[in-house]
Amino acid sequence: MSQINKKWYQGMFSNEDWWAAWLGLFFFGLGLLSIWGLDAVGWIAKPKTWEFSNLIHDFSWSKLLKVSSKNYHHLHPLASLFITYFVFLILTSIGAYFQKLNVKKYIIGFTVIFFLTWLTWIIGHEAHLSAANATVKGHNYYQEYNLSWGLQLGGGASFILALIIGLIIGNFFKGFANKIKEAAKPEWFIKAAIVLLGIKLGIMSMKAMGFTKELALAGAAAAFVAYLLFWPIVYFIGRKYFGLNRDSAAVLSSGISICGVSASIATAGAIKAKPVIPIAVSTLILVFAMFELIVLPPLYTNLAPNQPIVNGAAMGMTVKTDGADAAAGAILDQLMISKHLKKTGEHWEEDWILSAAILTKVWIDIFIGIWSFILAYVWIKKVDRGNIKEKIPLSEIWFRLPKFVMAYILVWLIYLGIMYFFPDIIGAAKSGAHIAQGPYRKLLFMLTFLSIGIITDFSKLKGMGKLAILYAVALFAVIAPIAYFVAYLFHHGMMPPVVAK
């Protein structure tokens, strides 16, 4: 292996995975300062529910935006928005510099993407799109604005709108997309958001430790069982019925079975496959992820409206790439909560369905490091026997482990530590945590949705006939059905907590 002489800290300041961890941990650290009475996160802007005719009749920025904390009530909403822009621009530009991106192009691209994201986010909060005809946190905006109709999509309206606008830019305005794509980094944004989701999981653990533990263990068991089935079945189909060579079948199997682009690249590196193979597979993964992201959330919502946690876990095992999985989980979370609220008047707490999707994906991400090590060993000892005389260091597992996942778990454990060892400061810790995992995380999600659309070019499927057909067959005939069965096996009957009215 060419990795033998690597230092354990290699890539710590140049790798996207590491920078997702740093960005997430930075905002986590700011939120944690509330323990000492410091509100270092409350300046961030967040959108408000508004109604078109009401806004036109009496326009005010305060109807569209607000600052996240009462401690910053003196800030004008636009001032809060521009502070948010400059903070995110500076932090991500530092990361872009160390990742050797073109910083000038990044700054221009990020500026465009940031304000497009906010425009989309604000539009998505228009009452006809988002408001549910039910009382949530003391408000029924549907009735307060005297609406005669509404899609009642909740926060999912903004996510879907951002994705649509991104796809339009990426497929119909390709020249414009190329000018801003240096800053369209959905995997970086979503991984940082997942780190902040560790805060949410910590808060949820404080409320329902037993349920959180059950969810985590069920996710681990489901991921383990599913991936023992996924990989060999897809590998067999690729070899037997599509005539792929061992390398191509292995890379495709890892990409569609384990965790998308990361797994396909890790597998290709482990078995020393030709560079063109992971590139082709990665393209398929990204394009098909868009179909899954668009189709699966409404499909699961309507086919199994009473199995929210099952749907979330199945999503985590089916949708490839961390960006698409978290995005699909976020849409599913919002659609299912809104549908259940509209039907029963009962409001499920947000993010439990999303967490079910993320937790299964987290276990899968951890599995990448171990699996690439196993494949490297098998290929050297069995497949390429006699051609390669290399030793495989155990440190290879460390280099393959996703660092943002480690940050996610670290954040979760810190909040668990506060709960167990310092219960008297839980209230102070929560005040900063709610903002860090709320508007910060949701902004990163919104940046992800727009960015993932911008970099998705459906025309790239041309010329990949056999691989594309195999991918489609494996996804819809093998992965999706098995994932749902396994998710049901380990998660059926689990329901999110209900928010008190």
Protein backbone atom coordinates (compact mmCIF):
# COMPACT_ATOMS: atom_id res chain seq x y z
CA MET A 1 0.00 0.00 0.00
CA SER A 2 1.23 3.47 -0.81
CA GLN A 3 -0.22 4.69 2.49
CA ILE A 4 2.38 3.00 4.75
CA ASN A 5 4.43 6.12 5.49
CA LYS A 6 1.47 8.37 6.13
CA LYS A 7 1.37 10.30 9.38
CA TRP A 8 -1.76 9.89 11.47
CA TYR A 9 -2.55 13.60 11.10
CA GLN A 10 -2.06 13.71 7.33
CA GLY A 11 -4.83 15.63 5.59
CA MET A 12 -5.97 17.27 8.81
CA PHE A 13 -5.88 20.74 7.24
CA SER A 14 -6.27 19.90 3.56
CA ASN A 15 -9.01 17.28 3.44
CA GLU A 16 -12.72 18.08 2.94
CA ASP A 17 -13.69 15.46 5.49
CA TRP A 18 -11.51 17.10 8.14
CA TRP A 19 -12.74 20.58 7.24
CA ALA A 20 -16.34 19.46 7.66
CA ALA A 21 -15.36 18.33 11.15
CA TRP A 22 -13.58 21.64 11.90
CA LEU A 23 -16.49 23.75 10.66
CA GLY A 24 -19.06 21.76 12.61
CA LEU A 25 -16.93 21.69 15.77
CA PHE A 26 -16.33 25.46 15.55
CA PHE A 27 -20.07 26.21 15.62
CA PHE A 28 -20.53 23.56 18.31
CA GLY A 29 -17.85 25.30 20.39
CA LEU A 30 -19.56 28.67 19.97
CA GLY A 31 -22.84 27.16 21.14
CA LEU A 32 -21.18 25.55 24.14
CA LEU A 33 -20.11 28.98 25.44
CA SER A 34 -23.68 29.42 26.72
CA ILE A 35 -22.57 27.33 29.71
CA TRP A 36 -20.60 30.39 30.83
CA GLY A 37 -23.41 32.79 29.99
CA LEU A 38 -22.01 33.86 26.61
CA ASP A 39 -24.33 33.95 23.60
CA ALA A 40 -21.88 33.64 20.71
CA VAL A 41 -24.36 32.12 18.25
CA GLY A 42 -27.56 34.14 18.54
CA TRP A 43 -26.67 36.66 15.81
CA ILE A 44 -27.50 34.28 12.95
CA ALA A 45 -30.56 35.10 10.86
CA LYS A 46 -33.43 32.70 10.30
CA PRO A 47 -36.55 32.90 8.09
CA LYS A 48 -40.10 33.51 9.33
CA THR A 49 -43.44 32.28 8.04
CA TRP A 50 -45.05 35.04 5.96
CA GLU A 51 -47.97 35.54 3.60
CA PHE A 52 -47.74 37.25 0.21
CA SER A 53 -50.70 39.68 0.34
CA ASN A 54 -49.91 40.62 3.94
CA LEU A 55 -46.32 41.44 2.97
CA ILE A 56 -47.29 43.46 -0.11
CA HIS A 57 -49.84 45.45 1.88
CA ASP A 58 -47.31 46.41 4.55
CA PHE A 59 -43.75 45.46 3.62
CA SER A 60 -41.21 44.92 6.37
CA TRP A 61 -38.01 42.87 6.49
CA SER A 62 -39.00 41.78 9.99
CA LYS A 63 -41.88 39.80 8.44
CA LEU A 64 -39.38 37.71 6.46
CA LEU A 65 -36.37 37.40 8.77
CA LYS A 66 -35.48 37.49 12.41
CA VAL A 67 -32.41 37.13 14.57
CA SER A 68 -32.10 33.77 16.36
CA SER A 69 -31.65 35.02 19.93
CA LYS A 70 -33.38 37.67 22.00
CA ASN A 71 -29.94 38.74 23.16
CA TYR A 72 -29.45 40.27 19.70
CA HIS A 73 -32.92 41.80 19.38
CA HIS A 74 -31.38 45.20 18.58
CA LEU A 75 -30.00 43.87 15.26
CA HIS A 76 -31.95 44.75 12.11
CA PRO A 77 -32.92 41.53 10.25
CA LEU A 78 -30.79 42.53 7.25
CA ALA A 79 -27.82 43.25 9.53
CA SER A 80 -28.22 39.75 10.97
CA LEU A 81 -28.32 38.31 7.44
CA PHE A 82 -25.13 40.08 6.35
CA ILE A 83 -23.31 39.11 9.56
CA THR A 84 -24.33 35.52 8.81
CA TYR A 85 -22.98 35.88 5.27
CA PHE A 86 -19.61 37.32 6.31
CA VAL A 87 -19.04 34.76 9.09
CA PHE A 88 -19.83 31.81 6.83
CA LEU A 89 -17.85 33.33 3.95
CA ILE A 90 -14.73 33.86 6.08
CA LEU A 91 -14.82 30.44 7.71
CA THR A 92 -15.50 28.48 4.53
CA SER A 93 -12.99 30.56 2.53
CA ILE A 94 -10.28 29.57 5.03
CA GLY A 95 -11.27 25.95 4.47
CA ALA A 96 -11.28 26.49 0.69
CA TYR A 97 -7.75 27.92 0.86
CA PHE A 98 -6.36 24.94 2.74
CA GLN A 99 -8.20 22.53 0.43
CA LYS A 100 -6.38 24.24 -2.45
CA LEU A 101 -9.54 25.54 -4.10
CA ASN A 102 -9.43 28.71 -6.16
CA VAL A 103 -10.29 31.15 -3.35
CA LYS A 104 -11.29 34.02 -5.64
CA LYS A 105 -13.69 31.81 -7.58
CA TYR A 106 -14.88 30.29 -4.30
CA ILE A 107 -15.73 33.71 -2.82
CA ILE A 108 -17.69 34.73 -5.93
CA GLY A 109 -19.46 31.37 -6.14
CA PHE A 110 -20.26 31.24 -2.42
CA THR A 111 -21.71 34.77 -2.49
CA VAL A 112 -24.07 33.82 -5.32
CA ILE A 113 -25.01 30.48 -3.74
CA PHE A 114 -25.49 32.03 -0.28
CA PHE A 115 -27.95 34.70 -1.40
CA LEU A 116 -29.76 32.34 -3.80
CA THR A 117 -30.08 29.96 -0.88
CA TRP A 118 -31.58 32.64 1.33
CA LEU A 119 -33.97 33.83 -1.38
CA THR A 120 -35.15 30.24 -1.79
CA TRP A 121 -35.37 29.70 1.96
CA ILE A 122 -37.50 32.82 2.42
CA ILE A 123 -39.83 31.95 -0.48
CA GLY A 124 -40.21 28.43 0.91
CA HIS A 125 -41.56 29.88 4.14
CA GLU A 126 -44.49 31.61 2.40
CA ALA A 127 -47.60 30.44 4.25
CA HIS A 128 -49.35 28.91 1.22
CA LEU A 129 -46.34 26.61 0.76
CA SER A 130 -45.33 25.82 4.33
CA ALA A 131 -48.06 26.51 6.90
CA ALA A 132 -49.96 23.51 8.26
CA ASN A 133 -53.57 23.86 9.40
CA ALA A 134 -52.70 22.97 12.98
CA THR A 135 -51.38 24.67 16.08
CA VAL A 136 -47.60 24.39 16.45
CA LYS A 137 -45.80 26.17 19.29
CA GLY A 138 -48.84 28.34 19.93
CA HIS A 139 -49.38 29.40 16.29
CA ASN A 140 -51.67 28.25 13.50
CA TYR A 141 -50.40 30.36 10.61
CA TYR A 142 -52.89 28.75 8.23
CA GLN A 143 -55.76 30.27 10.19
CA GLU A 144 -53.92 33.44 11.27
CA TYR A 145 -53.47 34.38 7.60
CA ASN A 146 -57.01 33.18 6.68
CA LEU A 147 -55.69 30.87 3.98
CA SER A 148 -58.19 29.24 1.63
CA TRP A 149 -55.62 26.77 0.30
CA GLY A 150 -52.10 25.60 1.07
CA LEU A 151 -49.66 22.84 0.20
CA GLN A 152 -48.85 22.41 3.93
CA LEU A 153 -45.31 21.14 3.24
CA GLY A 154 -43.70 22.60 6.36
CA GLY A 155 -39.95 23.17 6.11
CA GLY A 156 -39.84 20.69 3.24
CA ALA A 157 -41.06 23.42 0.88
CA SER A 158 -37.75 25.30 1.15
CA PHE A 159 -35.68 22.13 0.71
CA ILE A 160 -37.59 21.03 -2.39
CA LEU A 161 -37.52 24.53 -3.90
CA ALA A 162 -33.73 24.83 -3.36
CA LEU A 163 -33.18 21.46 -5.03
CA ILE A 164 -35.37 22.39 -8.03
CA ILE A 165 -33.61 25.73 -8.52
CA GLY A 166 -30.21 24.03 -8.22
CA LEU A 167 -31.16 21.39 -10.82
CA ILE A 168 -32.43 24.06 -13.22
CA ILE A 169 -29.12 25.92 -12.92
CA GLY A 170 -27.04 22.75 -13.23
CA ASN A 171 -28.86 21.43 -16.31
CA PHE A 172 -30.16 24.47 -18.20
CA PHE A 173 -27.66 27.20 -17.29
CA LYS A 174 -24.44 25.22 -17.41
CA GLY A 175 -22.24 28.22 -18.14
CA PHE A 176 -23.50 29.94 -15.01
CA ALA A 177 -23.19 26.69 -13.04
CA ASN A 178 -19.53 26.38 -14.08
CA LYS A 179 -18.81 29.90 -12.84
CA ILE A 180 -20.11 29.18 -9.33
CA LYS A 181 -19.40 25.46 -8.96
CA GLU A 182 -16.11 26.11 -7.10
CA ALA A 183 -18.31 26.89 -4.08
CA ALA A 184 -20.96 24.23 -4.74
CA LYS A 185 -19.67 21.73 -2.17
CA PRO A 186 -22.69 19.73 -0.97
CA GLU A 187 -20.63 17.01 0.69
CA TRP A 188 -18.65 19.57 2.72
CA PHE A 189 -21.74 21.49 3.78
CA ILE A 190 -23.78 18.43 4.68
CA LYS A 191 -20.97 16.76 6.62
CA ALA A 192 -20.57 19.89 8.74
CA ALA A 193 -24.35 19.89 9.24
CA ILE A 194 -24.22 16.26 10.36
CA VAL A 195 -21.62 17.19 13.00
CA LEU A 196 -24.14 19.73 14.31
CA LEU A 197 -26.83 17.06 14.22
CA GLY A 198 -24.76 15.40 16.95
CA ILE A 199 -25.85 18.34 19.13
CA LYS A 200 -29.48 17.61 18.32
CA LEU A 201 -28.96 13.96 19.16
CA GLY A 202 -27.41 15.03 22.47
CA ILE A 203 -30.42 17.22 23.26
CA MET A 204 -32.79 14.41 22.27
CA SER A 205 -30.82 12.04 24.48
CA MET A 206 -31.45 14.37 27.42
CA LYS A 207 -35.18 14.18 26.71
CA ALA A 208 -35.48 10.50 25.79
CA MET A 209 -32.27 8.62 26.51
CA GLY A 210 -33.88 5.19 26.22
CA PHE A 211 -35.38 5.91 22.81
CA THR A 212 -32.16 7.48 21.49
CA LYS A 213 -30.13 4.47 22.61
CA GLU A 214 -32.65 2.11 21.02
CA LEU A 215 -32.54 4.11 17.78
CA ALA A 216 -28.73 4.02 17.65
CA LEU A 217 -28.50 0.28 18.36
CA ALA A 218 -31.28 -0.55 15.91
CA GLY A 219 -29.50 1.53 13.25
CA ALA A 220 -26.24 -0.32 13.85
CA ALA A 221 -27.91 -3.74 13.67
CA ALA A 222 -29.90 -2.85 10.56
CA ALA A 223 -26.85 -1.46 8.74
CA PHE A 224 -24.78 -4.54 9.61
CA VAL A 225 -27.45 -7.02 8.43
CA ALA A 226 -28.29 -5.07 5.27
CA TYR A 227 -24.71 -4.67 4.11
CA LEU A 228 -23.90 -8.31 4.63
CA LEU A 229 -26.57 -8.88 1.98
CA PHE A 230 -26.13 -5.88 -0.35
CA TRP A 231 -22.50 -6.26 -1.39
CA PRO A 232 -22.34 -9.96 -2.36
CA ILE A 233 -25.70 -9.83 -4.19
CA VAL A 234 -24.76 -6.79 -6.28
CA TYR A 235 -21.27 -8.22 -6.92
CA PHE A 236 -22.79 -11.52 -8.08
CA ILE A 237 -25.29 -9.81 -10.42
CA GLY A 238 -22.55 -7.63 -11.90
CA ARG A 239 -20.26 -10.58 -12.57
CA LYS A 240 -22.86 -13.17 -13.58
CA TYR A 241 -25.39 -11.22 -15.64
CA PHE A 242 -23.53 -8.09 -16.76
CA GLY A 243 -20.10 -9.57 -17.40
CA LEU A 244 -18.15 -7.02 -15.33
CA ASN A 245 -14.57 -7.80 -14.36
CA ARG A 246 -13.73 -8.21 -10.68
CA ASP A 247 -12.49 -4.65 -10.20
CA SER A 248 -15.51 -2.98 -11.81
CA ALA A 249 -17.95 -5.24 -9.98
CA ALA A 250 -16.23 -4.59 -6.64
CA VAL A 251 -16.17 -0.81 -7.03
CA LEU A 252 -19.79 -0.66 -8.19
CA SER A 253 -20.89 -3.00 -5.39
CA SER A 254 -19.21 -0.84 -2.76
CA GLY A 255 -20.56 2.36 -4.26
CA ILE A 256 -24.17 1.24 -4.36
CA SER A 257 -24.05 -1.00 -1.29
CA ILE A 258 -22.00 0.90 1.28
CA CYS A 259 -21.82 4.65 0.91
CA GLY A 260 -21.67 6.08 -2.53
CA VAL A 261 -18.71 8.06 -3.81
CA SER A 262 -16.57 7.61 -0.69
CA ALA A 263 -16.93 3.84 -0.76
CA SER A 264 -16.29 3.53 -4.50
CA ILE A 265 -13.13 5.64 -4.27
CA ALA A 266 -11.93 3.84 -1.13
CA THR A 267 -12.56 0.45 -2.76
CA ALA A 268 -10.83 1.45 -5.99
CA GLY A 269 -7.80 2.61 -4.00
CA ALA A 270 -7.77 -0.53 -1.90
CA ILE A 271 -7.84 -2.94 -4.86
CA LYS A 272 -5.85 -0.64 -7.21
CA ALA A 273 -8.59 -0.46 -9.84
CA LYS A 274 -8.16 1.70 -12.92
CA PRO A 275 -8.98 5.38 -12.15
CA VAL A 276 -11.75 5.48 -14.78
CA ILE A 277 -13.82 2.93 -12.82
CA PRO A 278 -14.50 4.98 -9.64
CA ILE A 279 -15.05 8.09 -11.79
CA ALA A 280 -17.78 6.35 -13.81
CA VAL A 281 -19.36 4.82 -10.71
CA SER A 282 -19.24 8.12 -8.82
CA THR A 283 -21.04 9.85 -11.69
CA LEU A 284 -23.79 7.23 -11.60
CA ILE A 285 -24.08 7.53 -7.83
CA LEU A 286 -24.52 11.31 -7.92
CA VAL A 287 -27.07 11.29 -10.74
CA PHE A 288 -29.14 8.42 -9.33
CA ALA A 289 -29.02 10.03 -5.89
CA MET A 290 -31.05 12.88 -7.39
CA PHE A 291 -33.78 10.47 -8.51
CA GLU A 292 -33.85 8.91 -5.03
CA LEU A 293 -33.92 12.32 -3.38
CA ILE A 294 -36.90 13.42 -5.48
CA VAL A 295 -38.87 10.15 -5.49
CA LEU A 296 -38.34 8.37 -2.15
CA PRO A 297 -39.42 10.95 0.47
CA PRO A 298 -42.95 11.47 -0.98
CA LEU A 299 -43.19 7.76 -1.82
CA TYR A 300 -42.40 6.62 1.74
CA THR A 301 -44.58 9.39 3.21
CA ASN A 302 -47.63 8.24 1.28
CA LEU A 303 -47.09 4.46 1.32
CA ALA A 304 -46.21 4.15 5.02
CA PRO A 305 -47.37 7.31 6.86
CA ASN A 306 -47.48 5.45 10.18
CA GLN A 307 -43.91 4.13 10.04
CA PRO A 308 -41.81 7.31 10.36
CA ILE A 309 -38.70 5.77 11.94
CA VAL A 310 -38.78 2.76 9.60
CA ASN A 311 -38.95 5.15 6.65
CA GLY A 312 -36.03 7.19 7.96
CA ALA A 313 -33.84 4.14 8.55
CA ALA A 314 -34.69 2.70 5.12
CA MET A 315 -33.79 6.05 3.56
CA GLY A 316 -30.39 5.97 5.27
CA MET A 317 -29.61 2.57 3.81
CA THR A 318 -30.97 3.25 0.32
CA VAL A 319 -29.84 6.76 -0.67
CA LYS A 320 -26.15 7.00 -1.52
CA THR A 321 -23.77 9.85 -0.61
CA ASP A 322 -24.01 11.61 2.71
CA GLY A 323 -25.34 14.74 1.04
CA ALA A 324 -28.25 13.09 -0.73
CA ASP A 325 -29.07 10.86 2.24
CA ALA A 326 -29.21 13.70 4.74
CA ALA A 327 -31.13 15.84 2.24
CA ALA A 328 -33.65 13.07 1.58
CA GLY A 329 -33.95 12.45 5.33
CA ALA A 330 -34.62 16.14 5.93
CA ILE A 331 -37.36 16.25 3.28
CA LEU A 332 -38.87 13.02 4.61
CA ASP A 333 -38.82 14.42 8.15
CA GLN A 334 -40.69 17.55 7.12
CA LEU A 335 -43.18 15.82 4.81
CA MET A 336 -44.10 13.13 7.34
CA ILE A 337 -44.43 15.60 10.22
CA SER A 338 -46.63 17.88 8.11
CA LYS A 339 -48.81 15.01 6.84
CA HIS A 340 -49.27 13.57 10.34
CA LEU A 341 -50.02 17.03 11.76
CA LYS A 342 -52.60 17.74 9.07
CA LYS A 343 -54.25 14.34 9.56
CA THR A 344 -54.25 14.06 13.36
CA GLY A 345 -53.38 17.46 14.81
CA GLU A 346 -50.51 15.72 16.60
CA HIS A 347 -47.07 17.28 16.06
CA TRP A 348 -44.14 14.89 15.99
CA GLU A 349 -40.91 16.41 17.23
CA GLU A 350 -38.62 17.37 14.37
CA ASP A 351 -35.41 15.54 13.42
CA TRP A 352 -36.14 12.08 14.83
CA ILE A 353 -36.93 10.74 11.36
CA LEU A 354 -33.88 12.54 9.98
CA SER A 355 -31.77 11.10 12.82
CA ALA A 356 -32.93 7.58 11.93
CA ALA A 357 -31.62 8.15 8.39
CA ILE A 358 -28.37 9.70 9.60
CA LEU A 359 -27.64 7.04 12.23
CA THR A 360 -27.83 4.18 9.75
CA LYS A 361 -25.61 6.20 7.40
CA VAL A 362 -23.13 6.90 10.22
CA TRP A 363 -22.66 3.20 10.89
CA ILE A 364 -22.23 2.66 7.16
CA ASP A 365 -19.61 5.43 6.96
CA ILE A 366 -17.66 3.82 9.79
CA PHE A 367 -17.89 0.54 7.89
CA ILE A 368 -16.09 2.09 4.87
CA GLY A 369 -12.71 2.06 6.61
CA ILE A 370 -13.04 -1.54 7.75
CA TRP A 371 -14.43 -2.77 4.43
CA SER A 372 -11.74 -1.14 2.28
CA PHE A 373 -9.13 -2.77 4.54
CA ILE A 374 -10.80 -6.17 4.09
CA LEU A 375 -11.02 -5.77 0.32
CA ALA A 376 -7.39 -4.66 0.09
CA TYR A 377 -6.38 -7.79 1.98
CA VAL A 378 -8.54 -10.09 -0.17
CA TRP A 379 -7.33 -8.56 -3.45
CA ILE A 380 -3.66 -8.75 -2.48
CA LYS A 381 -3.83 -12.25 -1.04
CA LYS A 382 -6.33 -13.86 -3.40
CA VAL A 383 -7.17 -11.92 -6.57
CA ASP A 384 -3.75 -10.44 -7.41
CA ARG A 385 -1.82 -13.19 -5.71
CA GLY A 386 1.77 -13.28 -6.87
CA ASN A 387 1.64 -9.82 -8.48
CA ILE A 388 1.61 -7.65 -5.37
CA LYS A 389 3.90 -8.20 -2.38
CA GLU A 390 2.71 -5.50 -0.02
CA LYS A 391 1.77 -5.42 3.63
CA ILE A 392 -1.44 -3.76 4.66
CA PRO A 393 -1.03 -1.64 7.81
CA LEU A 394 -3.93 -1.49 10.26
CA SER A 395 -3.50 2.29 10.15
CA GLU A 396 -5.25 2.14 6.77
CA ILE A 397 -8.54 1.79 8.67
CA TRP A 398 -7.85 5.13 10.42
CA PHE A 399 -7.26 6.91 7.10
CA ARG A 400 -10.50 5.51 5.70
CA LEU A 401 -12.67 6.44 8.70
CA PRO A 402 -14.76 9.56 7.94
CA LYS A 403 -13.55 12.28 10.31
CA PHE A 404 -16.86 14.15 10.31
CA VAL A 405 -18.49 11.01 11.72
CA MET A 406 -15.97 11.00 14.54
CA ALA A 407 -16.80 14.68 15.21
CA TYR A 408 -20.52 13.86 15.18
CA ILE A 409 -20.03 11.13 17.78
CA LEU A 410 -17.72 13.37 19.86
CA VAL A 411 -20.33 16.14 20.00
CA TRP A 412 -23.01 13.64 21.00
CA LEU A 413 -20.81 12.18 23.73
CA ILE A 414 -19.98 15.63 25.14
CA TYR A 415 -23.67 16.37 25.62
CA LEU A 416 -24.19 12.94 27.16
CA GLY A 417 -21.29 13.75 29.52
CA ILE A 418 -22.98 17.01 30.51
CA MET A 419 -26.21 15.13 31.18
CA TYR A 420 -24.53 12.50 33.39
CA PHE A 421 -21.81 14.50 35.16
CA PHE A 422 -23.00 18.12 35.16
CA PRO A 423 -26.82 18.01 35.24
CA ASP A 424 -26.99 21.45 36.87
CA ILE A 425 -25.75 23.14 33.68
CA ILE A 426 -28.03 21.33 31.23
CA GLY A 427 -30.32 24.36 30.88
CA ALA A 428 -27.41 26.70 30.09
CA ALA A 429 -25.92 24.20 27.63
CA LYS A 430 -29.23 23.80 25.81
CA SER A 431 -29.69 27.52 25.14
CA GLY A 432 -26.64 27.66 22.86
CA ALA A 433 -27.14 24.14 21.56
CA HIS A 434 -30.64 24.84 20.23
CA ILE A 435 -29.34 27.67 18.04
CA ALA A 436 -26.18 25.85 16.87
CA GLN A 437 -28.15 22.79 15.80
CA GLY A 438 -31.12 24.82 14.53
CA PRO A 439 -30.55 27.76 12.16
CA TYR A 440 -26.84 26.92 11.66
CA ARG A 441 -27.54 23.33 10.71
CA LYS A 442 -30.55 24.22 8.58
CA LEU A 443 -28.58 26.86 6.68
CA LEU A 444 -25.94 24.24 5.89
CA PHE A 445 -28.74 21.92 4.73
CA MET A 446 -30.13 24.64 2.46
CA LEU A 447 -26.66 25.30 1.00
CA THR A 448 -26.42 21.56 0.38
CA PHE A 449 -29.73 21.34 -1.50
CA LEU A 450 -28.89 24.19 -3.85
CA SER A 451 -25.30 22.98 -4.36
CA ILE A 452 -26.22 19.37 -5.02
CA GLY A 453 -28.57 20.52 -7.77
CA ILE A 454 -25.94 22.82 -9.30
CA ILE A 455 -23.36 20.01 -9.69
CA THR A 456 -25.85 17.41 -10.98
CA ASP A 457 -25.79 17.08 -14.76
CA PHE A 458 -28.18 14.42 -16.03
CA SER A 459 -26.51 14.44 -19.45
CA LYS A 460 -23.54 12.61 -17.93
CA LEU A 461 -25.54 9.37 -18.06
CA LYS A 462 -24.90 9.21 -21.80
CA GLY A 463 -22.53 6.41 -22.78
CA MET A 464 -22.91 4.47 -19.52
CA GLY A 465 -25.59 2.10 -20.78
CA LYS A 466 -24.59 -1.20 -19.15
CA LEU A 467 -23.36 0.30 -15.89
CA ALA A 468 -26.43 2.54 -15.62
CA ILE A 469 -28.81 -0.38 -16.18
CA LEU A 470 -26.98 -2.48 -13.59
CA TYR A 471 -27.06 0.39 -11.12
CA ALA A 472 -30.81 0.85 -11.65
CA VAL A 473 -31.50 -2.89 -11.30
CA ALA A 474 -29.36 -3.17 -8.17
CA LEU A 475 -30.87 -0.07 -6.60
CA PHE A 476 -34.56 -0.77 -7.19
CA ALA A 477 -34.59 -4.58 -7.20
CA VAL A 478 -32.01 -5.29 -4.48
CA ILE A 479 -31.04 -2.32 -2.31
CA ALA A 480 -34.40 -0.56 -1.78
CA PRO A 481 -36.50 -3.68 -0.98
CA ILE A 482 -33.89 -5.25 1.32
CA ALA A 483 -33.26 -1.90 3.04
CA TYR A 484 -36.94 -1.42 3.77
CA PHE A 485 -37.38 -4.99 5.02
CA VAL A 486 -34.37 -4.73 7.33
CA ALA A 487 -35.42 -1.26 8.52
CA TYR A 488 -38.89 -2.62 9.35
CA LEU A 489 -37.38 -5.62 11.10
CA PHE A 490 -35.37 -3.47 13.51
CA HIS A 491 -37.42 -0.26 13.75
CA HIS A 492 -41.12 -1.08 13.40
CA GLY A 493 -43.25 0.36 16.16
CA MET A 494 -40.78 3.14 16.97
CA MET A 495 -42.41 6.58 16.90
CA PRO A 496 -41.04 10.11 17.37
CA PRO A 497 -41.97 11.94 20.60
CA VAL A 498 -44.93 14.31 20.37
CA VAL A 499 -44.48 18.05 20.91
CA ALA A 500 -46.74 19.43 23.63
CA LYS A 501 -49.14 22.10 22.36
